[in-house]
Amino acid sequence: MESNKIKELIEGILNILPQNTKDMRDDVKDNLKILLNDYLRKIDVVTREEFDVQKEVLLKTRKKLDDLEEKFKK
């Protein structure tokens, strides 16, 4: 679930670190990815793709329900 926003956040944090510490930067980057992804999973955040799919399913279901309600009104 690594989005562009997470990548941007990680890069922003890495830019604060001294440039001459590649090993430390690599460790920090790996740990930040793990921590952020783990946190996002714990708070039940879904990806935009998952959200869009569920939105479409809901819209189709809503239309079917509206059609059925209209049918029973007659």
Protein backbone atom coordinates (compact mmCIF):
# COMPACT_ATOMS: atom_id res chain seq x y z
CA MET A 1 0.00 0.00 0.00
CA GLU A 2 2.85 2.35 -0.72
CA SER A 3 1.38 5.44 -2.32
CA ASN A 4 3.11 8.47 -3.80
CA LYS A 5 2.26 10.48 -0.67
CA ILE A 6 4.10 7.95 1.51
CA LYS A 7 7.08 8.03 -0.84
CA GLU A 8 7.08 11.84 -0.74
CA LEU A 9 6.92 11.83 3.06
CA ILE A 10 9.80 9.38 3.32
CA GLU A 11 11.90 11.36 0.82
CA GLY A 12 11.18 14.57 2.76
CA ILE A 13 12.39 12.98 5.97
CA LEU A 14 15.47 11.54 4.26
CA ASN A 15 16.35 14.98 2.88
CA ILE A 16 16.66 16.24 6.47
CA LEU A 17 19.33 13.63 7.25
CA PRO A 18 23.00 14.29 6.48
CA GLN A 19 23.84 13.33 2.89
CA ASN A 20 27.09 11.52 3.76
CA THR A 21 25.43 8.73 5.77
CA LYS A 22 24.12 6.38 3.09
CA ASP A 23 23.87 3.31 5.34
CA MET A 24 21.94 5.23 7.98
CA ARG A 25 19.67 6.78 5.34
CA ASP A 26 18.94 3.33 3.90
CA ASP A 27 18.08 1.96 7.35
CA VAL A 28 15.86 4.94 8.14
CA LYS A 29 14.12 4.62 4.76
CA ASP A 30 13.42 0.91 5.23
CA ASN A 31 12.17 1.40 8.79
CA LEU A 32 9.96 4.34 7.82
CA LYS A 33 8.33 2.31 5.05
CA ILE A 34 7.61 -0.51 7.46
CA LEU A 35 6.29 1.78 10.19
CA LEU A 36 4.09 3.88 7.93
CA ASN A 37 2.61 0.93 6.07
CA ASP A 38 1.98 -0.93 9.33
CA TYR A 39 0.29 2.12 10.85
CA LEU A 40 -1.92 2.64 7.81
CA ARG A 41 -3.01 -1.00 7.91
CA LYS A 42 -3.88 -0.69 11.61
CA ILE A 43 -6.13 2.29 11.02
CA ASP A 44 -7.91 0.50 8.15
CA VAL A 45 -6.93 2.89 5.38
CA VAL A 46 -7.73 1.60 1.91
CA THR A 47 -6.10 2.49 -1.35
CA ARG A 48 -7.78 4.81 -3.82
CA GLU A 49 -8.24 1.86 -6.17
CA GLU A 50 -10.06 -0.16 -3.50
CA PHE A 51 -12.22 2.84 -2.65
CA ASP A 52 -13.14 3.44 -6.30
CA VAL A 53 -14.09 -0.21 -6.82
CA GLN A 54 -16.33 -0.19 -3.75
CA LYS A 55 -17.86 3.10 -4.82
CA GLU A 56 -18.82 1.62 -8.20
CA VAL A 57 -20.32 -1.46 -6.56
CA LEU A 58 -22.33 0.75 -4.23
CA LEU A 59 -23.59 2.92 -7.10
CA LYS A 60 -24.72 -0.14 -9.07
CA THR A 61 -26.43 -1.58 -6.00
CA ARG A 62 -28.14 1.73 -5.31
CA LYS A 63 -29.44 1.88 -8.88
CA LYS A 64 -30.81 -1.65 -8.65
CA LEU A 65 -32.51 -0.81 -5.36
CA ASP A 66 -34.03 2.35 -6.82
CA ASP A 67 -35.29 0.37 -9.81
CA LEU A 68 -36.87 -2.25 -7.54
CA GLU A 69 -38.51 0.41 -5.38
CA GLU A 70 -39.94 2.06 -8.47
CA LYS A 71 -41.20 -1.27 -9.74
CA PHE A 72 -43.02 -2.01 -6.47
CA LYS A 73 -44.64 1.42 -6.38
CA LYS A 74 -46.60 0.55 -9.54
